[in-house]
Protein backbone atom coordinates (compact mmCIF):
# COMPACT_ATOMS: atom_id res chain seq x y z
CA MET A 1 38.05 -8.01 -42.24
CA LEU A 2 35.77 -6.80 -44.37
CA ASP A 3 37.28 -4.09 -47.13
CA ARG A 4 35.17 -0.38 -46.06
CA GLU A 5 35.27 0.46 -50.05
CA LYS A 6 34.06 -2.93 -51.09
CA TYR A 7 30.95 -3.15 -48.82
CA PHE A 8 30.10 0.23 -48.88
CA ASN A 9 29.71 -0.49 -52.97
CA LYS A 10 28.02 -3.76 -52.34
CA LEU A 11 24.70 -1.74 -49.52
CA LYS A 12 25.08 0.64 -52.46
CA SER A 13 23.54 -1.82 -55.19
CA LEU A 14 21.27 -3.38 -53.21
CA ASN A 15 17.24 -1.83 -53.32
CA GLN A 16 16.31 -1.39 -49.64
CA TYR A 17 19.28 0.86 -49.37
CA LYS A 18 18.87 3.46 -52.98
CA ASN A 19 17.00 5.58 -50.99
CA CYS A 20 20.34 5.74 -48.49
CA SER A 21 22.50 8.90 -49.01
CA GLU A 22 26.12 7.86 -49.34
CA GLU A 23 27.01 9.49 -45.51
CA ASP A 24 24.28 6.53 -43.96
CA LEU A 25 25.49 4.00 -45.48
CA TYR A 26 28.79 4.68 -44.79
CA LYS A 27 27.62 4.66 -40.86
CA ILE A 28 25.67 1.90 -41.82
CA VAL A 29 29.38 0.03 -43.03
CA ASP A 30 30.91 1.88 -40.05
CA ASN A 31 28.48 0.39 -37.31
CA LYS A 32 29.25 -2.99 -39.56
CA LEU A 33 33.28 -2.69 -39.17
CA GLN A 34 32.68 -2.13 -36.01
CA GLU A 35 30.87 -5.28 -34.91
CA GLU A 36 33.50 -7.16 -36.78
CA ASP A 37 36.04 -5.62 -34.64
CA LEU A 38 33.96 -6.15 -31.73
CA LEU A 39 33.39 -10.64 -32.15
CA THR A 40 37.88 -10.41 -32.41
CA ALA A 41 37.84 -8.59 -29.40
CA PHE A 42 35.91 -11.04 -27.05
CA VAL A 43 38.45 -13.65 -27.00
CA GLY A 44 37.53 -16.99 -25.24
CA LEU A 45 34.10 -17.32 -26.12
CA GLY A 46 32.64 -19.68 -28.59
CA ASP A 47 30.57 -18.44 -31.87
CA ASP A 48 27.19 -19.21 -30.39
CA GLU A 49 28.45 -16.51 -27.62
CA LYS A 50 29.76 -14.06 -29.47
CA PRO A 51 26.46 -12.29 -31.33
CA LYS A 52 24.73 -12.52 -27.40
CA ALA A 53 28.21 -10.44 -26.15
CA LEU A 54 27.52 -8.18 -29.31
CA LYS A 55 23.78 -7.67 -28.00
CA LEU A 56 24.98 -7.03 -24.71
CA TYR A 57 27.62 -4.76 -25.51
CA ILE A 58 25.24 -2.43 -27.74
CA GLN A 59 22.77 -2.98 -24.82
CA TYR A 60 25.42 -1.21 -22.26
CA VAL A 61 26.59 1.18 -24.75
CA SER A 62 23.30 2.14 -25.86
CA GLU A 63 22.52 3.07 -21.91
CA CYS A 64 25.52 4.67 -20.45
CA SER A 65 28.11 6.79 -21.89
CA PHE A 66 31.82 5.17 -22.60
CA GLU A 67 34.66 7.80 -24.75
CA SER A 68 37.44 6.95 -23.54
CA LEU A 69 39.67 3.23 -24.46
CA ALA A 70 40.11 2.44 -21.65
CA GLU A 71 36.47 2.48 -20.35
CA LYS A 72 35.50 0.20 -23.70
CA SER A 73 38.67 -2.15 -23.43
CA THR A 74 36.74 -2.66 -19.82
CA LEU A 75 33.17 -2.30 -21.11
CA ILE A 76 34.17 -5.79 -23.35
CA ASN A 77 36.14 -7.55 -20.54
CA LEU A 78 32.87 -7.03 -18.36
CA VAL A 79 30.63 -8.54 -21.01
CA ARG A 80 33.21 -11.39 -21.38
CA ASP A 81 32.95 -12.08 -17.86
CA GLU A 82 28.71 -11.61 -17.99
CA ILE A 83 28.88 -14.48 -20.90
CA ILE A 84 31.23 -16.86 -19.16
CA LYS A 85 29.58 -16.43 -16.37
CA GLU A 86 26.47 -17.25 -18.16
CA ARG A 87 28.05 -20.48 -19.60
CA ILE A 88 29.12 -21.52 -15.91
CA LEU A 89 25.46 -21.42 -14.78
CA THR A 90 24.25 -23.52 -17.94
CA GLN A 91 27.07 -25.77 -16.74
CA ILE A 92 25.45 -25.40 -13.28
CA GLN A 93 22.17 -26.66 -14.34
CA GLU A 94 22.97 -29.40 -16.50
CA ASP A 95 25.20 -31.02 -13.77
CA TYR A 96 21.79 -30.82 -11.62
CA ASN A 97 19.78 -32.07 -14.31
CA ASN A 98 22.13 -35.54 -15.26
CA LYS A 99 23.62 -35.95 -11.42
CA SER A 100 20.79 -36.94 -9.56
CA HIS A 101 20.54 -33.44 -8.63
CA ALA A 102 23.94 -32.39 -7.65
CA ASN A 103 25.79 -29.36 -8.58
CA SER A 104 29.79 -28.96 -8.61
CA LEU A 105 30.50 -26.33 -5.03
CA GLN A 106 34.02 -25.41 -7.54
CA LEU A 107 31.54 -24.04 -10.25
CA ILE A 108 28.78 -22.36 -7.50
CA GLU A 109 32.34 -20.90 -5.90
CA GLU A 110 33.43 -19.83 -9.79
CA VAL A 111 29.86 -17.92 -10.63
CA ARG A 112 30.26 -15.87 -7.24
CA ASP A 113 33.77 -15.04 -7.93
CA ILE A 114 33.21 -13.88 -11.49
CA GLU A 115 30.00 -11.89 -10.05
CA GLU A 116 32.02 -9.80 -7.56
CA HIS A 117 34.29 -9.02 -10.10
CA ILE A 118 31.61 -7.76 -12.86
CA LEU A 119 29.87 -5.96 -9.78
CA ILE A 120 33.91 -3.91 -9.39
CA GLN A 121 33.76 -3.19 -13.33
CA LYS A 122 30.49 -2.43 -13.31
CA GLU A 123 31.03 0.33 -10.46
CA LYS A 124 34.61 0.99 -12.12
CA LEU A 125 32.30 2.35 -15.73
CA GLY A 126 29.62 3.90 -13.49
CA MET A 127 27.13 1.70 -14.07
CA LEU A 128 25.55 1.36 -11.05
CA LYS A 129 25.77 4.69 -9.65
CA ASN A 130 23.33 6.22 -12.09
CA LYS A 131 20.80 2.94 -11.31
CA ASP A 132 20.90 3.07 -7.66
CA ASN A 133 20.63 6.78 -7.41
CA ASN A 134 17.08 6.69 -10.41
CA SER A 135 16.13 4.35 -7.83
CA PHE A 136 16.13 5.87 -4.62
CA GLN A 137 15.12 8.68 -6.32
CA ILE A 138 12.14 7.29 -7.46
CA ALA A 139 11.21 5.54 -3.92
CA TRP A 140 12.23 8.85 -2.54
CA GLU A 141 9.73 10.86 -3.83
CA GLU A 142 7.02 8.18 -3.65
CA LEU A 143 7.56 8.00 0.03
CA LYS A 144 7.70 12.27 0.07
CA LYS A 145 4.22 11.77 -1.93
CA LYS A 146 2.49 9.47 0.65
CA SER A 147 3.57 11.64 3.65
CA LEU A 148 1.83 14.61 1.88
CA ASP A 149 -1.05 12.37 1.24
CA TYR A 150 -1.45 11.32 5.18
CA PHE A 151 -1.04 15.12 5.91
CA ALA A 152 -3.68 16.20 3.36
CA THR A 153 -5.95 13.27 5.10
CA HIS A 154 -5.34 13.28 8.38
CA ALA A 155 -4.84 16.84 9.11
CA GLY A 156 -8.24 17.39 10.86
CA GLU A 157 -8.24 14.67 13.17
CA THR A 158 -6.14 17.08 15.96
CA TYR A 159 -8.70 20.12 15.10
CA VAL A 160 -11.05 20.40 17.99
CA LYS A 161 -13.89 23.41 17.99
CA CYS A 162 -14.24 25.54 21.24
CA PRO A 163 -17.50 24.69 22.51
CA GLU A 164 -17.72 28.07 23.92
CA CYS A 165 -16.65 30.42 21.29
CA GLN A 166 -16.94 27.80 18.67
CA LYS A 167 -13.52 28.40 17.12
CA LEU A 168 -11.96 25.59 15.87
CA PHE A 169 -7.53 24.69 17.71
CA ARG A 170 -4.95 22.00 17.77
CA LEU A 171 -4.73 19.67 19.81
CA LEU A 172 -0.71 19.25 20.78
CA MET A 173 1.01 16.73 23.08
CA LYS A 174 3.03 17.80 26.01
CA ILE A 175 6.11 15.37 25.74
CA GLU A 176 6.84 16.56 29.22
CA GLY A 177 7.64 13.63 31.22
CA LEU A 178 7.55 10.84 28.73
CA ASP A 179 10.15 8.10 28.43
CA VAL A 180 12.53 8.07 25.32
CA SER A 181 12.45 4.67 23.21
CA LYS A 182 14.41 4.06 19.80
CA ALA A 183 12.28 4.40 17.37
CA SER A 184 12.89 1.30 15.41
CA PHE A 185 11.45 1.80 12.16
CA PHE A 186 14.58 4.53 11.53
CA LYS A 187 18.20 4.64 11.48
CA GLY A 188 19.05 8.91 10.95
CA THR A 189 16.51 9.90 8.76
CA SER A 190 16.20 6.97 6.44
CA LEU A 191 13.43 4.51 7.07
CA TYR A 192 14.51 1.34 8.59
CA ASN A 193 14.41 -1.45 10.70
CA THR A 194 16.97 -4.53 10.93
CA LYS A 195 14.32 -7.46 11.96
CA LEU A 196 12.34 -6.89 8.90
CA LEU A 197 15.71 -7.04 6.65
CA LYS A 198 16.69 -9.97 8.40
CA LEU A 199 13.35 -11.68 7.50
CA TYR A 200 14.34 -10.70 3.74
CA GLU A 201 17.86 -11.78 3.97
CA ASP A 202 16.36 -15.23 5.31
CA LYS A 203 13.40 -15.73 2.79
CA ARG A 204 10.92 -15.22 5.41
CA LEU A 205 9.53 -11.91 4.82
CA THR A 206 9.89 -10.82 0.35
CA ILE A 207 10.84 -7.68 -0.38
CA GLU A 208 6.48 -6.95 -1.71
CA GLU A 209 6.47 -7.82 2.00
CA VAL A 210 8.66 -5.61 3.43
CA ALA A 211 8.10 -2.60 1.05
CA GLU A 212 4.32 -2.98 2.43
CA ILE A 213 5.16 -3.73 5.64
CA LEU A 214 7.23 0.09 5.61
CA GLY A 215 5.36 1.36 3.30
CA VAL A 216 8.13 2.28 0.34
CA HIS A 217 8.51 0.93 -2.77
CA SER A 218 10.20 -1.88 -3.49
CA LYS A 219 13.08 0.04 -4.83
CA TYR A 220 13.88 1.68 -1.63
CA VAL A 221 13.66 -1.82 0.34
CA ASP A 222 16.71 -2.69 -2.23
CA PHE A 223 18.45 -0.06 -1.80
CA ILE A 224 18.76 0.15 2.38
CA PHE A 225 19.59 -3.74 1.68
CA GLN A 226 22.36 -3.67 -0.62
CA TYR A 227 23.69 -0.36 1.02
CA ILE A 228 22.65 -0.09 4.73
CA TYR A 229 22.29 -3.64 5.73
CA LEU A 230 24.48 -5.74 4.09
CA LYS A 231 27.27 -3.32 4.27
CA GLU A 232 26.90 -3.02 8.47
CA LYS A 233 26.64 -6.87 8.32
CA GLU A 234 30.11 -7.31 6.31
CA LYS A 235 31.66 -5.05 8.96
CA GLU A 236 30.70 -7.23 11.85
CA LEU A 237 32.53 -9.97 10.08
């Protein structure tokens, strides 16, 4: 364990820190001490894995706000699980390369279990909500822009000039007598098509191809696939 004052004096004597104030130096020292504490907190990880865990922890902290001790403790557990998942995936790859392209079903199940636990922890920390909202907001704004652009470029198609008075009037289609048909490309007010998402799930279409067909961003497709299609499928099981 580093001694705060000794480490401060050591930095103070180095040329690269000669222009730093004491306040800035103590910030550097405290960050280093925090890193040391974190490295000891990642129990179960190897010495080669701990630096990666620390880097991932710092990245998550920079992206989200974690105030309470409980949140930071959960984040440590989350990062540890991320590194362990990477370790298992490496083992799966090694088995595949060295054992005639064979993989252990047990290792694959372990990956699935730990991925599920990682998602639960991220949801608990609120790390998924902001990301999903931002992705959906971007997709929604792009869809709205496309709708407005279409209206602007096609507005004149329903207007004609009266041959008698030469004034413009708009052609409107009467809906009386028309048969009602289910809107296969909508679910409520959301742009959605079950068959397209099934083709995407079966890897017969890419997410980019589905997005192109629907005329939306691929993030919108990912959103409706994860939060509508898969959730409905789970309910059917």
